[in-house]
Amino acid sequence: MLPTIKPALWRRVTHFVFPAILLGMIVLTASSAFAATCDNLISTTLPHATVTAAAVVPAGAFMPPIPEGGGEGGGPPRFDALPAFCRVTATAKPTADSDIKIEVWLPVSGWNGKLQGTGNGCFGGAISYAAMKDVLQTNTAAAATDTGHDSHKGCFVSGDGAFALGHPEKIKDFGARAYHEMTVDAKLLVSAFYGNGPKLSFLDECGGGSREAMSEVQRYPEDWDAVAAGGLVGYSTHHVLAQLWAWQATHKTEASYIPPAKYPMIHDAALAECDTKDGVKDGVIAEPSRCKFDPAVLQCKGADAPTCLTAPQVEAARTLYAAPTNPRTGEKLFGPLYPGSELGWGAVAGPQPFAYAIDFFKYAAFKDPNWDIKTRPINFDSDVALADAEENLVMNASDPDISKFIDRGGKLFMIGGWSDTPVAPSSNSDYFDALIAKMDKKKLRDSVRFYMVPGMGHCPGKQGASAFYVNTSEIIQDWKVNGKAPDPLIATHYANGTEDRKVLICQYPQVAVYKGSGDTKDPGNFSCKAR
């Protein structure tokens, strides 16, 4: 016999318990439905790819196949906070020599209608699970590719470029095709899973990922709606020349080497020469391209010492500040490093040459895995043609004609740092100057924004002795969705991970100039002035 329930208690049961049970049933039903839909993605027809796995990963259960570094606080990234998602893996083979691995992560619930691709540094060679994690945690569908080959050494250990030797189709995959294949497949999988495609597809990349982003804008303008690209590496076949130009300048002889312990001394001297030219002393050179600092002021009067530069070291420093050029024709090959960048010289002028550049010449230019820069240095005349061989040009993303991307409503946000050293700063400004020369000026104003940040290194961020952070993802989405173009920017400066001040960043070629009064840490006391 059922117990008697008092009317008041019955009302509480029906008001609170039944809706909760019903909601639980709906959630379980939705999860089951998405799980079934996710499983069914295994049979999705893709143009050049085959889905190899499709399954729901429960919340907090994902573990990357290989360990990853560089997470929050410098440690390995954590995946235990991830929500449940449908994980799809696929392999694309647009040519007989192609083997492009692709992953697409689809939120099981709460999808915001967006798709974001993730990028790869240097030669790629691995799925960036840490980047996919960051995207998924915003309820955005994420896509990634290994760019068509398997390697995990990164930018600073030689060997990742070996895939290029004797494999021109793999070079094409790395240079452009893999990312396009990933994009097409990701959109099809999104449509199959949710019943409709993304309302917004966008990229937010810097460094190596910027090459992929700019290649998409230039070669496949229909792929993405909005793109943020920082620390541009679009002229790949020449920025490797610049990286080795710097190394050879500081290793011309044993006496040419500048110990990293001397970098702060050179940096302080450069600041003393040019820091206050914007009206305020803040440890940043506002216009480093106009700073006429000569390291000869530091030349030792007697023997070598930690507080001075020897004559060969002065010559080496001057070469770093000079643009790499063809010694026979005088042609500029790439941009120089600028005063203010000295604390980052170790990336290209330290004990070992930049591994990405070494691999490029070993496997793509010289096609000789035994080549050694110490016994056979780069010839900045004859070797340029080998770097620019036809099969290597697909690694570049330097075409200034982006009219098709703009005409379909695309938005492009670009940002670079004047203190960049792995890729000289003018990689950014030279490309924008080329856009100005090529494109309709009004279309450019409506669709492209470009900023150079004084004092910033390779990319925006919060870590390091001196870092500048700008939320490029938020900026590009707000611009595309709400029509709110960024102008100007307010960056946050971090000193050793701690917020230090706000900084006004102006559209290139304008610069921020102190108005003459008020707190110098308040960006409201600065204004943008034409150069």
Protein backbone atom coordinates (compact mmCIF):
# COMPACT_ATOMS: atom_id res chain seq x y z
CA MET A 1 0.00 0.00 0.00
CA LEU A 2 1.44 3.37 -1.04
CA PRO A 3 2.09 5.88 1.72
CA THR A 4 -0.10 8.94 1.93
CA ILE A 5 1.63 12.14 0.82
CA LYS A 6 0.44 15.38 2.32
CA PRO A 7 -0.66 18.02 -0.25
CA ALA A 8 2.07 20.48 0.76
CA LEU A 9 4.76 17.81 0.43
CA TRP A 10 3.31 16.69 -2.91
CA ARG A 11 3.55 20.25 -4.20
CA ARG A 12 7.23 20.35 -3.21
CA VAL A 13 7.88 17.03 -4.90
CA THR A 14 6.19 18.07 -8.12
CA HIS A 15 7.82 21.53 -8.07
CA PHE A 16 11.42 20.46 -7.44
CA VAL A 17 11.94 16.74 -7.87
CA PHE A 18 10.05 15.98 -11.06
CA PRO A 19 11.66 18.86 -13.04
CA ALA A 20 15.08 17.72 -11.87
CA ILE A 21 14.33 14.16 -12.94
CA LEU A 22 12.98 15.41 -16.25
CA LEU A 23 16.07 17.62 -16.81
CA GLY A 24 18.29 14.66 -16.02
CA MET A 25 16.41 12.54 -18.52
CA ILE A 26 16.81 15.26 -21.15
CA VAL A 27 20.53 15.59 -20.47
CA LEU A 28 21.02 11.83 -20.59
CA THR A 29 18.97 11.61 -23.77
CA ALA A 30 20.92 14.49 -25.37
CA SER A 31 24.24 12.96 -24.32
CA SER A 32 23.21 9.59 -25.66
CA ALA A 33 22.06 11.19 -28.88
CA PHE A 34 25.33 13.08 -29.28
CA ALA A 35 27.27 9.92 -28.44
CA ALA A 36 25.43 8.06 -31.15
CA THR A 37 25.93 10.94 -33.56
CA CYS A 38 29.62 11.07 -32.65
CA ASP A 39 30.01 7.34 -33.28
CA ASN A 40 28.30 7.76 -36.64
CA LEU A 41 30.92 10.30 -37.74
CA ILE A 42 33.20 7.34 -38.45
CA SER A 43 31.34 6.98 -41.76
CA THR A 44 31.47 10.67 -42.74
CA THR A 45 32.53 11.15 -46.35
CA LEU A 46 35.43 13.61 -46.65
CA PRO A 47 37.03 14.78 -49.93
CA HIS A 48 40.52 13.31 -49.45
CA ALA A 49 40.38 11.89 -45.95
CA THR A 50 39.15 8.88 -44.00
CA VAL A 51 37.82 9.17 -40.47
CA THR A 52 39.88 6.75 -38.35
CA ALA A 53 38.09 7.18 -35.01
CA ALA A 54 35.09 9.01 -33.56
CA ALA A 55 34.01 8.72 -29.94
CA VAL A 56 32.86 10.84 -27.03
CA VAL A 57 35.58 11.58 -24.48
CA PRO A 58 34.01 11.95 -20.99
CA ALA A 59 34.64 15.13 -19.04
CA GLY A 60 38.17 15.24 -17.62
CA ALA A 61 39.18 11.91 -19.18
CA PHE A 62 41.38 13.04 -22.09
CA MET A 63 45.08 12.19 -22.03
CA PRO A 64 47.31 13.32 -24.94
CA PRO A 65 49.07 10.51 -26.81
CA ILE A 66 52.41 12.20 -26.22
CA PRO A 67 53.40 14.45 -23.26
CA GLU A 68 53.21 18.18 -23.92
CA GLY A 69 55.08 21.04 -22.31
CA GLY A 70 54.47 24.75 -22.13
CA GLY A 71 51.25 24.79 -20.14
CA GLU A 72 50.02 27.19 -17.49
CA GLY A 73 52.90 28.55 -15.42
CA GLY A 74 55.43 26.88 -17.70
CA GLY A 75 54.47 23.31 -16.67
CA PRO A 76 52.69 20.68 -18.74
CA PRO A 77 49.15 21.59 -19.79
CA ARG A 78 46.29 20.06 -17.79
CA PHE A 79 43.37 18.40 -19.49
CA ASP A 80 41.36 17.28 -16.46
CA ALA A 81 39.08 20.33 -16.64
CA LEU A 82 37.93 19.62 -20.19
CA PRO A 83 34.20 19.08 -20.72
CA ALA A 84 32.91 16.04 -22.59
CA PHE A 85 33.60 16.24 -26.30
CA CYS A 86 33.37 14.24 -29.49
CA ARG A 87 36.92 13.48 -30.62
CA VAL A 88 37.34 12.75 -34.32
CA THR A 89 40.62 11.70 -35.91
CA ALA A 90 41.17 11.46 -39.65
CA THR A 91 43.95 10.91 -42.16
CA ALA A 92 44.00 12.90 -45.40
CA LYS A 93 45.82 11.66 -48.50
CA PRO A 94 45.32 14.23 -51.28
CA THR A 95 48.39 12.71 -53.03
CA ALA A 96 50.05 9.31 -52.98
CA ASP A 97 52.83 10.73 -50.78
CA SER A 98 50.51 12.54 -48.36
CA ASP A 99 49.82 11.39 -44.81
CA ILE A 100 48.07 14.29 -43.06
CA LYS A 101 46.76 13.64 -39.56
CA ILE A 102 43.75 15.74 -38.53
CA GLU A 103 41.80 16.06 -35.28
CA VAL A 104 38.49 17.80 -34.66
CA TRP A 105 37.05 18.26 -31.17
CA LEU A 106 33.31 18.97 -30.89
CA PRO A 107 31.69 20.06 -27.60
CA VAL A 108 28.94 17.62 -26.61
CA SER A 109 26.92 20.43 -25.04
CA GLY A 110 26.97 24.22 -25.01
CA TRP A 111 28.53 24.64 -28.45
CA ASN A 112 28.68 28.37 -29.23
CA GLY A 113 28.39 27.93 -33.00
CA LYS A 114 32.07 28.69 -33.66
CA LEU A 115 35.00 26.81 -35.20
CA GLN A 116 38.62 27.71 -34.48
CA GLY A 117 41.68 26.17 -36.08
CA THR A 118 44.92 25.76 -34.17
CA GLY A 119 48.41 26.21 -35.60
CA ASN A 120 51.90 24.74 -35.53
CA GLY A 121 55.30 26.18 -34.76
CA CYS A 122 58.35 25.76 -36.99
CA PHE A 123 58.02 22.53 -39.03
CA GLY A 124 54.90 21.33 -37.22
CA GLY A 125 54.83 17.55 -37.12
CA ALA A 126 52.39 17.10 -34.22
CA ILE A 127 48.82 17.86 -33.18
CA SER A 128 48.79 20.75 -30.71
CA TYR A 129 46.60 19.28 -27.98
CA ALA A 130 47.33 22.15 -25.60
CA ALA A 131 45.97 24.64 -28.14
CA MET A 132 42.92 22.46 -28.83
CA LYS A 133 42.28 22.31 -25.07
CA ASP A 134 42.26 26.10 -24.83
CA VAL A 135 39.79 26.36 -27.71
CA LEU A 136 37.44 23.65 -26.42
CA GLN A 137 37.25 25.29 -22.99
CA THR A 138 35.53 28.26 -24.66
CA ASN A 139 32.81 25.89 -26.02
CA THR A 140 34.25 26.36 -29.50
CA ALA A 141 34.85 23.45 -31.89
CA ALA A 142 38.60 22.97 -32.42
CA ALA A 143 40.60 21.66 -35.37
CA ALA A 144 44.28 20.73 -35.71
CA THR A 145 46.72 19.01 -38.08
CA ASP A 146 50.27 17.70 -37.90
CA THR A 147 50.86 19.36 -41.35
CA GLY A 148 51.53 16.00 -43.00
CA HIS A 149 54.45 14.46 -41.13
CA ASP A 150 55.39 13.12 -37.72
CA SER A 151 58.06 14.94 -35.69
CA HIS A 152 58.18 16.28 -32.14
CA LYS A 153 61.56 17.91 -31.61
CA GLY A 154 60.38 21.51 -31.92
CA CYS A 155 62.11 24.69 -33.06
CA PHE A 156 65.42 24.31 -31.25
CA VAL A 157 66.52 20.73 -31.97
CA SER A 158 67.54 19.78 -35.50
CA GLY A 159 65.79 16.92 -37.29
CA ASP A 160 62.18 18.00 -37.76
CA GLY A 161 62.81 19.10 -41.36
CA ALA A 162 63.97 15.67 -42.53
CA PHE A 163 60.53 14.94 -44.03
CA ALA A 164 61.25 17.45 -46.83
CA LEU A 165 64.20 15.55 -48.31
CA GLY A 166 63.00 13.92 -51.54
CA HIS A 167 59.32 14.57 -50.79
CA PRO A 168 58.05 17.60 -52.74
CA GLU A 169 54.42 16.66 -52.07
CA LYS A 170 55.04 16.63 -48.33
CA ILE A 171 56.56 20.10 -48.67
CA LYS A 172 53.31 21.21 -50.33
CA ASP A 173 51.32 19.61 -47.53
CA PHE A 174 53.39 21.40 -44.90
CA GLY A 175 53.39 24.69 -46.80
CA ALA A 176 49.66 25.01 -47.46
CA ARG A 177 47.66 21.92 -48.35
CA ALA A 178 47.41 20.21 -44.94
CA TYR A 179 45.82 23.19 -43.24
CA HIS A 180 43.30 23.60 -46.05
CA GLU A 181 42.41 19.90 -45.89
CA MET A 182 41.94 20.24 -42.12
CA THR A 183 39.66 23.23 -42.58
CA VAL A 184 37.42 21.60 -45.18
CA ASP A 185 37.12 18.39 -43.16
CA ALA A 186 36.46 20.22 -39.88
CA LYS A 187 33.55 22.16 -41.38
CA LEU A 188 32.01 18.97 -42.78
CA LEU A 189 32.32 17.21 -39.42
CA VAL A 190 30.81 20.19 -37.59
CA SER A 191 27.83 20.11 -39.97
CA ALA A 192 27.41 16.36 -39.58
CA PHE A 193 27.53 16.52 -35.78
CA TYR A 194 25.39 19.57 -35.09
CA GLY A 195 23.19 19.61 -38.19
CA ASN A 196 24.58 22.93 -39.38
CA GLY A 197 27.95 24.51 -40.09
CA PRO A 198 29.73 27.08 -37.92
CA LYS A 199 28.28 30.59 -37.72
CA LEU A 200 31.80 31.94 -37.28
CA SER A 201 35.10 30.34 -38.24
CA PHE A 202 38.28 32.08 -37.15
CA LEU A 203 42.01 31.75 -36.51
CA ASP A 204 44.14 33.32 -33.80
CA GLU A 205 47.77 32.43 -34.41
CA CYS A 206 51.27 33.77 -33.87
CA GLY A 207 54.74 32.75 -35.02
CA GLY A 208 54.70 29.49 -36.99
CA GLY A 209 50.90 29.40 -36.85
CA SER A 210 50.79 32.84 -38.48
CA ARG A 211 52.29 31.34 -41.63
CA GLU A 212 49.40 28.87 -41.79
CA ALA A 213 46.88 31.62 -41.07
CA MET A 214 48.26 33.95 -43.74
CA SER A 215 48.52 31.10 -46.26
CA GLU A 216 44.82 30.48 -45.73
CA VAL A 217 43.97 34.17 -46.23
CA GLN A 218 46.02 34.32 -49.44
CA ARG A 219 45.46 30.89 -50.99
CA TYR A 220 42.08 29.78 -49.65
CA PRO A 221 40.15 33.00 -48.90
CA GLU A 222 36.85 31.14 -48.51
CA ASP A 223 38.07 29.00 -45.59
CA TRP A 224 37.91 31.40 -42.62
CA ASP A 225 35.80 34.43 -41.71
CA ALA A 226 38.29 36.24 -39.49
CA VAL A 227 42.01 35.87 -38.84
CA ALA A 228 44.38 37.23 -36.20
CA ALA A 229 48.06 36.72 -37.07
CA GLY A 230 51.04 37.87 -35.03
CA GLY A 231 54.81 37.60 -35.40
CA LEU A 232 54.46 36.99 -39.13
CA VAL A 233 56.73 34.37 -40.65
CA GLY A 234 55.24 34.61 -44.12
CA TYR A 235 58.55 35.02 -45.97
CA SER A 236 59.87 31.68 -44.75
CA THR A 237 62.56 31.12 -47.36
CA HIS A 238 64.22 34.40 -46.30
CA HIS A 239 63.63 34.62 -42.57
CA VAL A 240 65.81 31.50 -42.30
CA LEU A 241 68.52 33.47 -44.14
CA ALA A 242 68.21 36.22 -41.52
CA GLN A 243 68.45 33.73 -38.66
CA LEU A 244 71.73 32.38 -40.01
CA TRP A 245 72.97 35.86 -40.94
CA ALA A 246 72.83 36.70 -37.23
CA TRP A 247 74.57 33.49 -36.19
CA GLN A 248 77.35 33.78 -38.72
CA ALA A 249 77.93 37.44 -37.77
CA THR A 250 78.53 36.45 -34.14
CA HIS A 251 80.55 33.36 -35.07
CA LYS A 252 82.67 34.81 -37.86
CA THR A 253 85.66 34.16 -35.65
CA GLU A 254 85.94 33.04 -32.07
CA ALA A 255 86.47 36.68 -31.12
CA SER A 256 83.17 37.72 -32.77
CA TYR A 257 81.00 35.88 -30.28
CA ILE A 258 79.06 38.11 -27.88
CA PRO A 259 78.46 36.32 -24.55
CA PRO A 260 74.80 36.54 -23.44
CA ALA A 261 76.04 38.09 -20.19
CA LYS A 262 76.82 41.23 -22.24
CA TYR A 263 73.32 41.54 -23.73
CA PRO A 264 71.92 43.62 -20.81
CA MET A 265 74.83 46.07 -21.09
CA ILE A 266 74.15 46.60 -24.82
CA HIS A 267 70.41 46.87 -24.13
CA ASP A 268 70.91 49.53 -21.47
CA ALA A 269 73.12 51.55 -23.83
CA ALA A 270 70.48 51.38 -26.58
CA LEU A 271 67.81 52.56 -24.14
CA ALA A 272 70.03 55.41 -22.99
CA GLU A 273 70.27 56.55 -26.61
CA CYS A 274 66.61 56.27 -27.67
CA ASP A 275 64.22 55.50 -24.80
CA THR A 276 63.10 59.08 -24.09
CA LYS A 277 62.47 60.12 -27.68
CA ASP A 278 58.70 59.52 -27.19
CA GLY A 279 58.69 61.88 -24.22
CA VAL A 280 58.91 59.35 -21.41
CA LYS A 281 61.52 57.05 -19.89
CA ASP A 282 59.80 53.68 -19.61
CA GLY A 283 62.38 51.11 -20.69
CA VAL A 284 60.92 50.88 -24.21
CA ILE A 285 62.08 52.39 -27.51
CA ALA A 286 58.96 53.66 -29.27
CA GLU A 287 60.50 53.87 -32.76
CA PRO A 288 63.42 51.45 -32.89
CA SER A 289 63.62 51.66 -36.69
CA ARG A 290 64.64 55.31 -36.23
CA CYS A 291 67.05 54.75 -33.36
CA LYS A 292 70.63 55.51 -34.47
CA PHE A 293 72.41 53.57 -31.77
CA ASP A 294 76.02 52.63 -32.53
CA PRO A 295 77.45 49.87 -30.29
CA ALA A 296 80.91 51.39 -30.82
CA VAL A 297 80.21 53.56 -27.77
CA LEU A 298 80.76 50.39 -25.74
CA GLN A 299 84.10 49.45 -27.29
CA CYS A 300 86.74 48.51 -24.74
CA LYS A 301 89.50 51.03 -24.18
CA GLY A 302 91.85 48.26 -23.14
CA ALA A 303 91.44 44.54 -22.56
CA ASP A 304 88.13 42.70 -22.87
CA ALA A 305 85.85 43.10 -19.86
CA PRO A 306 82.21 42.35 -18.90
CA THR A 307 81.44 46.09 -19.15
CA CYS A 308 82.56 46.62 -22.75
CA LEU A 309 82.68 45.13 -26.25
CA THR A 310 85.82 44.17 -28.12
CA ALA A 311 86.29 45.47 -31.67
CA PRO A 312 85.13 42.15 -33.24
CA GLN A 313 82.08 42.16 -30.94
CA VAL A 314 81.24 45.71 -31.99
CA GLU A 315 81.41 44.61 -35.63
CA ALA A 316 79.14 41.65 -34.89
CA ALA A 317 76.59 43.84 -33.09
CA ARG A 318 76.57 46.31 -35.96
CA THR A 319 75.87 43.42 -38.34
CA LEU A 320 72.88 42.33 -36.26
CA TYR A 321 71.46 45.84 -36.51
CA ALA A 322 72.01 45.80 -40.30
CA ALA A 323 69.63 44.13 -42.76
CA PRO A 324 70.90 40.88 -44.30
CA THR A 325 72.02 41.75 -47.82
CA ASN A 326 73.45 40.11 -50.89
CA PRO A 327 77.17 41.06 -50.74
CA ARG A 328 77.41 41.22 -54.53
CA THR A 329 74.23 43.12 -55.46
CA GLY A 330 73.44 44.92 -52.20
CA GLU A 331 69.87 43.54 -52.35
CA LYS A 332 68.09 43.47 -49.01
CA LEU A 333 67.21 39.86 -48.20
CA PHE A 334 65.25 40.43 -44.98
CA GLY A 335 64.92 42.90 -42.15
CA PRO A 336 67.42 43.61 -39.34
CA LEU A 337 67.16 43.34 -35.58
CA TYR A 338 66.50 46.68 -33.91
CA PRO A 339 67.86 48.52 -30.86
CA GLY A 340 65.87 47.36 -27.86
CA SER A 341 65.88 43.70 -28.91
CA GLU A 342 69.23 42.79 -27.33
CA LEU A 343 67.87 40.70 -24.46
CA GLY A 344 66.50 38.25 -27.02
CA TRP A 345 69.60 37.91 -29.20
CA GLY A 346 70.37 34.48 -27.79
CA ALA A 347 67.70 32.89 -29.99
CA VAL A 348 69.71 33.57 -33.16
CA ALA A 349 73.17 34.59 -31.95
CA GLY A 350 73.74 32.14 -29.11
CA PRO A 351 76.07 29.15 -29.04
CA GLN A 352 74.01 27.13 -31.55
CA PRO A 353 72.32 28.29 -34.77
CA PHE A 354 68.52 28.32 -34.94
CA ALA A 355 67.59 24.68 -35.62
CA TYR A 356 64.63 25.49 -37.90
CA ALA A 357 66.93 27.41 -40.25
CA ILE A 358 69.54 24.64 -40.17
CA ASP A 359 66.91 22.04 -41.11
CA PHE A 360 65.57 24.21 -43.91
CA PHE A 361 68.98 24.38 -45.57
CA LYS A 362 69.87 20.75 -44.86
CA TYR A 363 66.71 19.20 -46.25
CA ALA A 364 65.02 21.76 -48.50
CA ALA A 365 67.71 24.08 -49.93
CA PHE A 366 70.93 22.02 -50.06
CA LYS A 367 69.23 18.60 -49.88
CA ASP A 368 72.25 17.38 -47.94
CA PRO A 369 71.62 15.97 -44.44
CA ASN A 370 75.37 16.07 -43.77
CA TRP A 371 75.75 19.81 -44.35
CA ASP A 372 77.45 21.63 -41.47
CA ILE A 373 77.30 25.42 -41.22
CA LYS A 374 80.56 25.47 -39.26
CA THR A 375 82.53 24.05 -42.17
CA ARG A 376 80.42 25.41 -45.02
CA PRO A 377 78.79 28.76 -44.07
CA ILE A 378 75.81 30.24 -45.90
CA ASN A 379 76.69 32.23 -49.02
CA PHE A 380 74.22 35.11 -49.04
CA ASP A 381 74.56 35.43 -52.80
CA SER A 382 74.51 32.00 -54.47
CA ASP A 383 72.61 30.17 -51.72
CA VAL A 384 69.62 32.51 -51.95
CA ALA A 385 68.56 30.92 -55.24
CA LEU A 386 68.67 27.47 -53.62
CA ALA A 387 66.50 28.70 -50.76
CA ASP A 388 64.05 30.18 -53.25
CA ALA A 389 63.81 27.05 -55.42
CA GLU A 390 60.34 26.60 -56.90
CA GLU A 391 59.40 23.64 -54.68
CA ASN A 392 60.24 25.67 -51.53
CA LEU A 393 58.15 28.75 -52.34
CA VAL A 394 54.96 27.05 -51.09
CA MET A 395 56.39 27.58 -47.59
CA ASN A 396 55.96 31.33 -48.10
CA ALA A 397 52.78 33.25 -47.37
CA SER A 398 53.78 36.69 -48.60
CA ASP A 399 51.28 37.44 -51.40
CA PRO A 400 49.91 40.97 -50.78
CA ASP A 401 46.79 40.35 -52.89
CA ILE A 402 44.15 39.39 -50.33
CA SER A 403 41.27 40.98 -52.25
CA LYS A 404 39.21 37.76 -52.40
CA PHE A 405 39.37 37.38 -48.62
CA ILE A 406 38.35 41.00 -48.12
CA ASP A 407 35.63 40.93 -50.76
CA ARG A 408 33.84 38.08 -49.01
CA GLY A 409 33.84 40.07 -45.76
CA GLY A 410 36.96 38.65 -44.12
CA LYS A 411 38.65 40.54 -41.29
CA LEU A 412 42.42 40.44 -40.74
CA PHE A 413 44.14 41.61 -37.57
CA MET A 414 47.96 41.62 -37.54
CA ILE A 415 50.34 42.41 -34.71
CA GLY A 416 54.13 42.32 -34.38
CA GLY A 417 56.80 43.20 -31.84
CA TRP A 418 59.62 45.65 -32.52
CA SER A 419 61.88 43.57 -30.25
CA ASP A 420 61.29 40.28 -32.07
CA THR A 421 64.49 38.32 -32.71
CA PRO A 422 63.65 34.83 -34.11
CA VAL A 423 61.91 36.63 -36.99
CA ALA A 424 63.00 40.22 -37.64
CA PRO A 425 60.23 42.79 -36.96
CA SER A 426 59.99 44.06 -40.52
CA SER A 427 58.58 40.68 -41.51
CA ASN A 428 55.37 42.30 -40.25
CA SER A 429 55.80 45.88 -41.41
CA ASP A 430 57.23 45.01 -44.84
CA TYR A 431 54.20 42.81 -45.55
CA PHE A 432 51.79 45.54 -44.49
CA ASP A 433 53.62 48.07 -46.67
CA ALA A 434 53.17 45.62 -49.56
CA LEU A 435 49.43 45.44 -48.78
CA ILE A 436 49.21 49.24 -48.94
CA ALA A 437 50.96 49.26 -52.30
CA LYS A 438 48.74 46.51 -53.73
CA MET A 439 45.27 46.86 -52.22
CA ASP A 440 42.47 49.40 -52.47
CA LYS A 441 43.03 51.79 -49.57
CA LYS A 442 39.40 51.96 -48.42
CA LYS A 443 38.97 48.20 -48.48
CA LEU A 444 42.17 47.89 -46.50
CA ARG A 445 40.95 50.35 -43.84
CA ASP A 446 37.64 48.50 -43.52
CA SER A 447 39.09 45.00 -43.34
CA VAL A 448 42.69 45.07 -42.04
CA ARG A 449 44.22 46.38 -38.83
CA PHE A 450 47.95 46.25 -38.11
CA TYR A 451 49.89 47.15 -34.98
CA MET A 452 53.58 47.10 -34.07
CA VAL A 453 54.23 46.94 -30.33
CA PRO A 454 57.37 48.68 -29.00
CA GLY A 455 59.28 46.42 -26.65
CA MET A 456 57.33 43.28 -27.53
CA GLY A 457 59.14 40.14 -28.66
CA HIS A 458 57.88 37.44 -30.99
CA CYS A 459 54.24 37.24 -29.83
CA PRO A 460 51.82 38.75 -27.30
CA GLY A 461 51.85 36.99 -23.94
CA LYS A 462 52.03 37.27 -20.18
CA GLN A 463 55.26 35.41 -19.45
CA GLY A 464 58.87 36.60 -19.56
CA ALA A 465 60.89 39.44 -18.13
CA SER A 466 58.98 41.96 -20.25
CA ALA A 467 55.78 40.84 -21.97
CA PHE A 468 52.86 42.57 -23.65
CA TYR A 469 49.42 40.96 -23.71
CA VAL A 470 46.59 41.70 -26.11
CA ASN A 471 43.53 39.43 -26.32
CA THR A 472 43.72 38.91 -30.07
CA SER A 473 41.04 36.20 -30.05
CA GLU A 474 38.50 38.52 -28.44
CA ILE A 475 39.47 41.39 -30.74
CA ILE A 476 39.02 39.49 -34.01
CA GLN A 477 35.72 37.93 -32.94
CA ASP A 478 34.27 41.22 -31.72
CA TRP A 479 35.28 42.91 -34.96
CA LYS A 480 33.74 40.28 -37.21
CA VAL A 481 30.57 39.65 -35.20
CA ASN A 482 29.80 43.12 -33.84
CA GLY A 483 31.61 45.35 -36.34
CA LYS A 484 33.80 46.83 -33.59
CA ALA A 485 37.13 47.52 -35.28
CA PRO A 486 40.12 47.80 -32.92
CA ASP A 487 41.47 51.36 -32.87
CA PRO A 488 43.68 51.93 -30.99
CA LEU A 489 44.73 49.06 -28.70
CA ILE A 490 45.41 48.97 -25.00
CA ALA A 491 48.02 46.34 -24.17
CA THR A 492 48.86 45.11 -20.69
CA HIS A 493 52.55 45.00 -19.83
CA TYR A 494 53.77 42.20 -17.57
CA ALA A 495 57.07 42.18 -15.70
CA ASN A 496 58.09 38.62 -14.79
CA GLY A 497 54.49 37.44 -14.90
CA THR A 498 53.04 40.34 -12.89
CA GLU A 499 50.87 43.05 -14.44
CA ASP A 500 52.88 46.25 -14.51
CA ARG A 501 51.01 48.88 -16.54
CA LYS A 502 48.68 49.57 -19.45
CA VAL A 503 50.15 50.73 -22.76
CA LEU A 504 48.63 52.58 -25.72
CA ILE A 505 49.37 50.80 -29.02
CA CYS A 506 48.71 52.73 -32.23
CA GLN A 507 47.95 51.61 -35.74
CA TYR A 508 51.12 51.33 -37.80
CA PRO A 509 52.83 53.58 -38.80
CA GLN A 510 51.61 55.85 -35.97
CA VAL A 511 53.37 55.84 -32.60
CA ALA A 512 52.22 56.57 -29.06
CA VAL A 513 53.64 59.84 -27.69
CA TYR A 514 53.42 61.09 -24.11
CA LYS A 515 51.24 64.21 -23.77
CA GLY A 516 53.62 65.71 -21.23
CA SER A 517 51.73 65.30 -17.96
CA GLY A 518 50.03 62.65 -15.86
CA ASP A 519 50.88 59.11 -14.85
CA THR A 520 53.06 57.49 -17.50
CA LYS A 521 51.43 54.13 -16.70
CA ASP A 522 48.05 55.50 -17.81
CA PRO A 523 47.53 55.05 -21.58
CA GLY A 524 45.11 57.97 -21.49
CA ASN A 525 48.11 60.27 -21.13
CA PHE A 526 49.46 59.22 -24.53
CA SER A 527 48.21 60.00 -28.04
CA CYS A 528 48.81 58.47 -31.47
CA LYS A 529 50.95 60.56 -33.78
CA ALA A 530 51.92 60.09 -37.41
CA ARG A 531 55.56 59.23 -37.97
